[in-house]
Amino acid sequence: MILNKPSPDSAPTAPSMQPPTEVLEAIIDQASDNTETLHQLSLTCTTLLPRSRIRLFAGIVIRTVEQLESSRKFLDSHPWLAPLVRKVTLEITAREDAFTERLRNVRLLDAVPIHLLNRLPNLDAWTMTSQSRWIIHTGSSLSLHRSVLWRYRKYGNHIRSLELSGIVFDRMPDFTGLVSAFTGIETLTCYDIYVNSKPRRVEAGSSESPVLVDMNVQPLPISTLKTFKETWT
């Protein structure tokens, strides 16, 4: 009796062990609020990597001036990242005892990261925030130069959602100027906003000029205004 070896075409195939796409997506969605879990999932299973990346990099947070400066090189070395980012958060944070570090990081809010506004094609949400419990006592109120507002107006017109929190503005025009610079926003979220009502003295002969408020600015197309708390100091 001669037994013929089965041909490769007739050999039974093992059933696929890969879960359905819906199950994989559900796993990622359940872990979407935990960055560390998402990171571990992306390292454990290559099948989970693409969707994990979508969740991991949908929003990026920049907390220091050094991170802001290095973000350009990071985008250069990771070209797949740019289309995934939909939200950028500039967040001032530092150790409670690091006074100098906190003051340096305030620069995050008065600098315009044009490379982020320009190179992230799906970016539509922008957040600027700080730890208001300490920034109020540092005297670090935010006074934006007109060139900053001009850059946000030029490069940030695709932003649809703007969130401001825990910020001390030097004067009301600094606040209104920043908001109106994002001409395309539809959702505005503001909370723990402080305005220093004490006028600043400009010494005679100083080159500093007051902020000019454009009274002809067109109304913003805001459809959603979330909690707003304004405190005068």
C-alpha atoms as a PDB file:
ATOM      1  CA  MET A   1       0.000   0.000   0.000  1.00  0.00           C
ATOM      2  CA  ILE A   2       1.444   3.261  -1.065  1.00  0.00           C
ATOM      3  CA  LEU A   3       0.429   6.449   0.699  1.00  0.00           C
ATOM      4  CA  ASN A   4       0.759   9.555  -1.345  1.00  0.00           C
ATOM      5  CA  LYS A   5       1.837  12.740   0.408  1.00  0.00           C
ATOM      6  CA  PRO A   6      -0.842  15.369   0.231  1.00  0.00           C
ATOM      7  CA  SER A   7      -0.015  18.182  -2.125  1.00  0.00           C
ATOM      8  CA  PRO A   8       0.536  21.645  -0.643  1.00  0.00           C
ATOM      9  CA  ASP A   9      -2.735  22.792  -2.202  1.00  0.00           C
ATOM     10  CA  SER A  10      -4.727  20.047  -0.483  1.00  0.00           C
ATOM     11  CA  ALA A  11      -3.094  20.381   2.948  1.00  0.00           C
ATOM     12  CA  PRO A  12      -5.477  21.741   5.576  1.00  0.00           C
ATOM     13  CA  THR A  13      -4.748  25.242   6.747  1.00  0.00           C
ATOM     14  CA  ALA A  14      -4.755  26.266  10.366  1.00  0.00           C
ATOM     15  CA  PRO A  15      -7.473  28.715  11.281  1.00  0.00           C
ATOM     16  CA  SER A  16      -6.354  32.300  11.706  1.00  0.00           C
ATOM     17  CA  MET A  17      -5.659  33.234  15.312  1.00  0.00           C
ATOM     18  CA  GLN A  18      -6.067  36.956  14.677  1.00  0.00           C
ATOM     19  CA  PRO A  19      -9.183  38.419  16.321  1.00  0.00           C
ATOM     20  CA  PRO A  20     -11.643  40.304  14.134  1.00  0.00           C
ATOM     21  CA  THR A  21     -10.850  43.937  13.405  1.00  0.00           C
ATOM     22  CA  GLU A  22     -13.800  45.053  15.532  1.00  0.00           C
ATOM     23  CA  VAL A  23     -12.328  43.297  18.574  1.00  0.00           C
ATOM     24  CA  LEU A  24      -8.904  44.865  18.038  1.00  0.00           C
ATOM     25  CA  GLU A  25     -10.439  48.313  17.714  1.00  0.00           C
ATOM     26  CA  ALA A  26     -12.471  47.762  20.885  1.00  0.00           C
ATOM     27  CA  ILE A  27      -9.317  46.815  22.798  1.00  0.00           C
ATOM     28  CA  ILE A  28      -7.561  49.996  21.729  1.00  0.00           C
ATOM     29  CA  ASP A  29     -10.606  52.147  22.438  1.00  0.00           C
ATOM     30  CA  GLN A  30     -10.893  50.757  25.966  1.00  0.00           C
ATOM     31  CA  ALA A  31      -7.264  51.664  26.644  1.00  0.00           C
ATOM     32  CA  SER A  32      -7.404  55.059  24.962  1.00  0.00           C
ATOM     33  CA  ASP A  33      -7.290  56.980  28.268  1.00  0.00           C
ATOM     34  CA  ASN A  34      -4.140  55.228  29.479  1.00  0.00           C
ATOM     35  CA  THR A  35      -1.041  56.205  27.543  1.00  0.00           C
ATOM     36  CA  GLU A  36       1.183  53.589  29.176  1.00  0.00           C
ATOM     37  CA  THR A  37      -1.258  50.781  28.338  1.00  0.00           C
ATOM     38  CA  LEU A  38      -1.488  51.929  24.730  1.00  0.00           C
ATOM     39  CA  HIS A  39       2.286  52.013  24.524  1.00  0.00           C
ATOM     40  CA  GLN A  40       2.569  48.462  25.863  1.00  0.00           C
ATOM     41  CA  LEU A  41      -0.101  47.220  23.439  1.00  0.00           C
ATOM     42  CA  SER A  42       1.739  48.748  20.492  1.00  0.00           C
ATOM     43  CA  LEU A  43       4.954  46.976  21.554  1.00  0.00           C
ATOM     44  CA  THR A  44       3.258  43.635  22.249  1.00  0.00           C
ATOM     45  CA  CYS A  45       1.377  43.135  19.004  1.00  0.00           C
ATOM     46  CA  THR A  46       2.268  44.570  15.617  1.00  0.00           C
ATOM     47  CA  THR A  47      -1.369  44.231  14.556  1.00  0.00           C
ATOM     48  CA  LEU A  48      -2.319  46.733  17.258  1.00  0.00           C
ATOM     49  CA  LEU A  49       0.418  49.195  16.343  1.00  0.00           C
ATOM     50  CA  PRO A  50      -1.373  51.274  13.661  1.00  0.00           C
ATOM     51  CA  ARG A  51      -4.492  51.935  15.721  1.00  0.00           C
ATOM     52  CA  SER A  52      -2.440  52.406  18.896  1.00  0.00           C
ATOM     53  CA  ARG A  53      -0.477  55.112  17.141  1.00  0.00           C
ATOM     54  CA  ILE A  54      -3.684  56.861  16.141  1.00  0.00           C
ATOM     55  CA  ARG A  55      -4.751  57.006  19.781  1.00  0.00           C
ATOM     56  CA  LEU A  56      -1.315  57.733  21.213  1.00  0.00           C
ATOM     57  CA  PHE A  57      -0.569  60.677  18.974  1.00  0.00           C
ATOM     58  CA  ALA A  58      -4.032  62.144  18.449  1.00  0.00           C
ATOM     59  CA  GLY A  59      -3.002  64.746  20.997  1.00  0.00           C
ATOM     60  CA  ILE A  60       0.493  65.855  21.960  1.00  0.00           C
ATOM     61  CA  VAL A  61       1.430  67.825  25.079  1.00  0.00           C
ATOM     62  CA  ILE A  62       4.438  70.145  25.233  1.00  0.00           C
ATOM     63  CA  ARG A  63       5.429  71.205  28.753  1.00  0.00           C
ATOM     64  CA  THR A  64       8.877  72.752  28.430  1.00  0.00           C
ATOM     65  CA  VAL A  65      10.736  75.080  26.119  1.00  0.00           C
ATOM     66  CA  GLU A  66      13.189  72.259  25.412  1.00  0.00           C
ATOM     67  CA  GLN A  67      10.365  69.983  24.241  1.00  0.00           C
ATOM     68  CA  LEU A  68       9.063  72.735  21.990  1.00  0.00           C
ATOM     69  CA  GLU A  69      12.475  73.276  20.431  1.00  0.00           C
ATOM     70  CA  SER A  70      13.050  69.537  19.883  1.00  0.00           C
ATOM     71  CA  SER A  71       9.600  68.894  18.397  1.00  0.00           C
ATOM     72  CA  ARG A  72      10.764  70.053  14.970  1.00  0.00           C
ATOM     73  CA  LYS A  73      13.488  67.389  14.794  1.00  0.00           C
ATOM     74  CA  PHE A  74      11.080  64.792  16.137  1.00  0.00           C
ATOM     75  CA  LEU A  75       8.669  65.478  13.274  1.00  0.00           C
ATOM     76  CA  ASP A  76      11.546  65.292  10.798  1.00  0.00           C
ATOM     77  CA  SER A  77      12.589  61.852  12.067  1.00  0.00           C
ATOM     78  CA  HIS A  78       9.027  60.486  12.354  1.00  0.00           C
ATOM     79  CA  PRO A  79       7.242  61.529   9.127  1.00  0.00           C
ATOM     80  CA  TRP A  80       4.310  59.181   9.831  1.00  0.00           C
ATOM     81  CA  LEU A  81       3.396  61.201  12.926  1.00  0.00           C
ATOM     82  CA  ALA A  82       2.197  64.490  11.440  1.00  0.00           C
ATOM     83  CA  PRO A  83      -1.137  63.261   9.959  1.00  0.00           C
ATOM     84  CA  LEU A  84      -2.118  61.618  13.275  1.00  0.00           C
ATOM     85  CA  VAL A  85      -1.991  64.743  15.450  1.00  0.00           C
ATOM     86  CA  ARG A  86      -5.312  66.524  15.908  1.00  0.00           C
ATOM     87  CA  LYS A  87      -4.653  68.458  19.113  1.00  0.00           C
ATOM     88  CA  VAL A  88      -1.681  70.340  20.550  1.00  0.00           C
ATOM     89  CA  THR A  89      -1.495  71.363  24.214  1.00  0.00           C
ATOM     90  CA  LEU A  90       1.000  73.908  25.501  1.00  0.00           C
ATOM     91  CA  GLU A  91       1.093  73.323  29.256  1.00  0.00           C
ATOM     92  CA  ILE A  92       3.239  75.198  31.742  1.00  0.00           C
ATOM     93  CA  THR A  93       4.340  72.868  34.485  1.00  0.00           C
ATOM     94  CA  ALA A  94       7.311  72.572  36.818  1.00  0.00           C
ATOM     95  CA  ARG A  95       8.263  71.493  40.298  1.00  0.00           C
ATOM     96  CA  GLU A  96       6.819  73.675  43.009  1.00  0.00           C
ATOM     97  CA  ASP A  97      10.302  74.725  44.142  1.00  0.00           C
ATOM     98  CA  ALA A  98      11.628  75.395  40.631  1.00  0.00           C
ATOM     99  CA  PHE A  99      10.758  79.074  40.374  1.00  0.00           C
ATOM    100  CA  THR A 100      13.242  79.856  37.583  1.00  0.00           C
ATOM    101  CA  GLU A 101      12.078  76.863  35.570  1.00  0.00           C
ATOM    102  CA  ARG A 102       8.465  77.962  35.838  1.00  0.00           C
ATOM    103  CA  LEU A 103       9.268  81.462  34.652  1.00  0.00           C
ATOM    104  CA  ARG A 104      11.255  80.097  31.692  1.00  0.00           C
ATOM    105  CA  ASN A 105       8.413  77.818  30.654  1.00  0.00           C
ATOM    106  CA  VAL A 106       5.984  80.744  30.581  1.00  0.00           C
ATOM    107  CA  ARG A 107       7.603  81.419  27.197  1.00  0.00           C
ATOM    108  CA  LEU A 108       5.550  78.523  25.859  1.00  0.00           C
ATOM    109  CA  LEU A 109       2.484  80.740  25.884  1.00  0.00           C
ATOM    110  CA  ASP A 110       3.970  83.806  24.209  1.00  0.00           C
ATOM    111  CA  ALA A 111       5.779  81.940  21.433  1.00  0.00           C
ATOM    112  CA  VAL A 112       4.059  80.739  18.280  1.00  0.00           C
ATOM    113  CA  PRO A 113       5.226  77.244  17.223  1.00  0.00           C
ATOM    114  CA  ILE A 114       4.667  77.838  13.530  1.00  0.00           C
ATOM    115  CA  HIS A 115       6.154  74.463  12.598  1.00  0.00           C
ATOM    116  CA  LEU A 116       3.354  72.719  14.519  1.00  0.00           C
ATOM    117  CA  LEU A 117       0.623  74.852  12.982  1.00  0.00           C
ATOM    118  CA  ASN A 118       2.093  74.355   9.507  1.00  0.00           C
ATOM    119  CA  ARG A 119       3.139  70.702   9.462  1.00  0.00           C
ATOM    120  CA  LEU A 120       0.194  68.939  11.125  1.00  0.00           C
ATOM    121  CA  PRO A 121      -2.431  68.692   8.351  1.00  0.00           C
ATOM    122  CA  ASN A 122      -5.260  67.396  10.573  1.00  0.00           C
ATOM    123  CA  LEU A 123      -4.633  69.707  13.537  1.00  0.00           C
ATOM    124  CA  ASP A 124      -7.882  71.398  14.582  1.00  0.00           C
ATOM    125  CA  ALA A 125      -7.659  71.802  18.389  1.00  0.00           C
ATOM    126  CA  TRP A 126      -5.332  74.076  20.361  1.00  0.00           C
ATOM    127  CA  THR A 127      -4.962  74.284  24.156  1.00  0.00           C
ATOM    128  CA  MET A 128      -2.941  76.718  26.271  1.00  0.00           C
ATOM    129  CA  THR A 129      -2.906  76.012  29.992  1.00  0.00           C
ATOM    130  CA  SER A 130      -0.897  76.454  33.179  1.00  0.00           C
ATOM    131  CA  GLN A 131      -0.983  75.681  36.874  1.00  0.00           C
ATOM    132  CA  SER A 132      -2.880  78.773  37.964  1.00  0.00           C
ATOM    133  CA  ARG A 133      -2.334  78.078  41.652  1.00  0.00           C
ATOM    134  CA  TRP A 134       1.287  79.184  41.344  1.00  0.00           C
ATOM    135  CA  ILE A 135       1.405  81.367  38.242  1.00  0.00           C
ATOM    136  CA  ILE A 136      -0.835  83.960  39.896  1.00  0.00           C
ATOM    137  CA  HIS A 137       1.758  84.516  42.608  1.00  0.00           C
ATOM    138  CA  THR A 138       4.759  84.762  40.296  1.00  0.00           C
ATOM    139  CA  GLY A 139       3.584  87.954  38.641  1.00  0.00           C
ATOM    140  CA  SER A 140       3.907  86.189  35.280  1.00  0.00           C
ATOM    141  CA  SER A 141       0.943  87.697  33.503  1.00  0.00           C
ATOM    142  CA  LEU A 142       0.678  87.087  29.776  1.00  0.00           C
ATOM    143  CA  SER A 143       1.055  90.117  27.536  1.00  0.00           C
ATOM    144  CA  LEU A 144       1.150  89.192  23.869  1.00  0.00           C
ATOM    145  CA  HIS A 145       3.035  91.237  21.321  1.00  0.00           C
ATOM    146  CA  ARG A 146       1.046  92.122  18.219  1.00  0.00           C
ATOM    147  CA  SER A 147       3.458  90.005  16.144  1.00  0.00           C
ATOM    148  CA  VAL A 148       2.377  86.939  18.161  1.00  0.00           C
ATOM    149  CA  LEU A 149      -1.276  87.656  17.446  1.00  0.00           C
ATOM    150  CA  TRP A 150      -0.487  88.226  13.779  1.00  0.00           C
ATOM    151  CA  ARG A 151       1.230  84.826  13.517  1.00  0.00           C
ATOM    152  CA  TYR A 152      -1.658  83.028  15.196  1.00  0.00           C
ATOM    153  CA  ARG A 153      -4.060  84.785  12.831  1.00  0.00           C
ATOM    154  CA  LYS A 154      -1.996  83.786   9.792  1.00  0.00           C
ATOM    155  CA  TYR A 155      -1.107  80.206  10.717  1.00  0.00           C
ATOM    156  CA  GLY A 156      -3.925  79.198  13.075  1.00  0.00           C
ATOM    157  CA  ASN A 157      -6.996  79.815  10.931  1.00  0.00           C
ATOM    158  CA  HIS A 158      -7.632  76.063  10.630  1.00  0.00           C
ATOM    159  CA  ILE A 159      -8.048  75.651  14.399  1.00  0.00           C
ATOM    160  CA  ARG A 160     -11.686  74.858  15.218  1.00  0.00           C
ATOM    161  CA  SER A 161     -11.457  74.290  18.987  1.00  0.00           C
ATOM    162  CA  LEU A 162      -9.582  76.611  21.369  1.00  0.00           C
ATOM    163  CA  GLU A 163      -9.145  75.973  25.103  1.00  0.00           C
ATOM    164  CA  LEU A 164      -7.559  78.415  27.547  1.00  0.00           C
ATOM    165  CA  SER A 165      -7.176  77.657  31.243  1.00  0.00           C
ATOM    166  CA  GLY A 166      -5.233  78.805  34.279  1.00  0.00           C
ATOM    167  CA  ILE A 167      -3.773  81.847  32.517  1.00  0.00           C
ATOM    168  CA  VAL A 168      -3.188  85.333  33.916  1.00  0.00           C
ATOM    169  CA  PHE A 169      -3.547  87.968  31.201  1.00  0.00           C
ATOM    170  CA  ASP A 170      -1.944  91.345  31.751  1.00  0.00           C
ATOM    171  CA  ARG A 171      -4.914  93.224  30.290  1.00  0.00           C
ATOM    172  CA  MET A 172      -8.258  92.397  28.758  1.00  0.00           C
ATOM    173  CA  PRO A 173      -7.033  93.215  25.204  1.00  0.00           C
ATOM    174  CA  ASP A 174      -4.411  90.481  25.644  1.00  0.00           C
ATOM    175  CA  PHE A 175      -7.184  87.956  26.213  1.00  0.00           C
ATOM    176  CA  THR A 176      -9.557  89.202  23.525  1.00  0.00           C
ATOM    177  CA  GLY A 177      -6.687  89.616  21.081  1.00  0.00           C
ATOM    178  CA  LEU A 178      -5.587  86.009  21.518  1.00  0.00           C
ATOM    179  CA  VAL A 179      -9.086  84.603  21.118  1.00  0.00           C
ATOM    180  CA  SER A 180      -9.868  86.717  18.060  1.00  0.00           C
ATOM    181  CA  ALA A 181      -6.559  85.713  16.444  1.00  0.00           C
ATOM    182  CA  PHE A 182      -7.967  82.196  15.905  1.00  0.00           C
ATOM    183  CA  THR A 183     -10.441  83.270  13.255  1.00  0.00           C
ATOM    184  CA  GLY A 184     -11.862  79.814  12.544  1.00  0.00           C
ATOM    185  CA  ILE A 185     -12.745  78.555  16.026  1.00  0.00           C
ATOM    186  CA  GLU A 186     -16.173  77.035  16.533  1.00  0.00           C
ATOM    187  CA  THR A 187     -15.727  75.842  20.136  1.00  0.00           C
ATOM    188  CA  LEU A 188     -14.196  78.082  22.804  1.00  0.00           C
ATOM    189  CA  THR A 189     -13.476  76.675  26.274  1.00  0.00           C
ATOM    190  CA  CYS A 190     -12.175  79.009  28.992  1.00  0.00           C
ATOM    191  CA  TYR A 191     -11.848  78.475  32.717  1.00  0.00           C
ATOM    192  CA  ASP A 192      -9.726  79.896  35.540  1.00  0.00           C
ATOM    193  CA  ILE A 193      -8.911  82.941  33.439  1.00  0.00           C
ATOM    194  CA  TYR A 194      -7.455  85.871  35.374  1.00  0.00           C
ATOM    195  CA  VAL A 195      -7.050  89.454  34.203  1.00  0.00           C
ATOM    196  CA  ASN A 196      -4.764  91.870  35.989  1.00  0.00           C
ATOM    197  CA  SER A 197      -6.864  95.012  36.275  1.00  0.00           C
ATOM    198  CA  LYS A 198      -4.014  97.172  37.535  1.00  0.00           C
ATOM    199  CA  PRO A 199      -2.762  99.341  34.649  1.00  0.00           C
ATOM    200  CA  ARG A 200       0.920  99.160  33.847  1.00  0.00           C
ATOM    201  CA  ARG A 201       2.972 102.342  33.926  1.00  0.00           C
ATOM    202  CA  VAL A 202       4.904 103.146  30.783  1.00  0.00           C
ATOM    203  CA  GLU A 203       7.930 105.284  31.536  1.00  0.00           C
ATOM    204  CA  ALA A 204       8.518 108.452  29.561  1.00  0.00           C
ATOM    205  CA  GLY A 205      10.638 107.795  26.518  1.00  0.00           C
ATOM    206  CA  SER A 206       9.902 104.070  26.577  1.00  0.00           C
ATOM    207  CA  SER A 207       9.658 102.331  23.206  1.00  0.00           C
ATOM    208  CA  GLU A 208       6.786 100.221  24.504  1.00  0.00           C
ATOM    209  CA  SER A 209       3.441 101.125  22.999  1.00  0.00           C
ATOM    210  CA  PRO A 210      -0.010 100.058  24.141  1.00  0.00           C
ATOM    211  CA  VAL A 211      -1.763  97.208  22.364  1.00  0.00           C
ATOM    212  CA  LEU A 212      -3.960  98.487  19.568  1.00  0.00           C
ATOM    213  CA  VAL A 213      -7.362  96.826  19.471  1.00  0.00           C
ATOM    214  CA  ASP A 214      -8.849  96.373  16.027  1.00  0.00           C
ATOM    215  CA  MET A 215     -12.506  97.307  16.415  1.00  0.00           C
ATOM    216  CA  ASN A 216     -13.267  96.023  12.901  1.00  0.00           C
ATOM    217  CA  VAL A 217     -12.523  92.361  13.685  1.00  0.00           C
ATOM    218  CA  GLN A 218     -15.216  90.143  12.212  1.00  0.00           C
ATOM    219  CA  PRO A 219     -17.343  88.118  14.669  1.00  0.00           C
ATOM    220  CA  LEU A 220     -15.970  84.639  15.330  1.00  0.00           C
ATOM    221  CA  PRO A 221     -18.064  81.668  14.131  1.00  0.00           C
ATOM    222  CA  ILE A 222     -18.294  80.229  17.654  1.00  0.00           C
ATOM    223  CA  SER A 223     -21.126  77.723  18.047  1.00  0.00           C
ATOM    224  CA  THR A 224     -20.120  76.338  21.461  1.00  0.00           C
ATOM    225  CA  LEU A 225     -18.958  78.345  24.472  1.00  0.00           C
ATOM    226  CA  LYS A 226     -18.041  76.230  27.467  1.00  0.00           C
ATOM    227  CA  THR A 227     -17.573  77.150  31.133  1.00  0.00           C
ATOM    228  CA  PHE A 228     -16.047  80.578  31.553  1.00  0.00           C
ATOM    229  CA  LYS A 229     -14.832  81.937  34.877  1.00  0.00           C
ATOM    230  CA  GLU A 230     -13.281  85.371  34.867  1.00  0.00           C
ATOM    231  CA  THR A 231     -11.501  86.694  37.947  1.00  0.00           C
ATOM    232  CA  TRP A 232     -10.191  90.202  38.345  1.00  0.00           C
ATOM    233  CA  THR A 233      -7.025  90.538  40.398  1.00  0.00           C
END
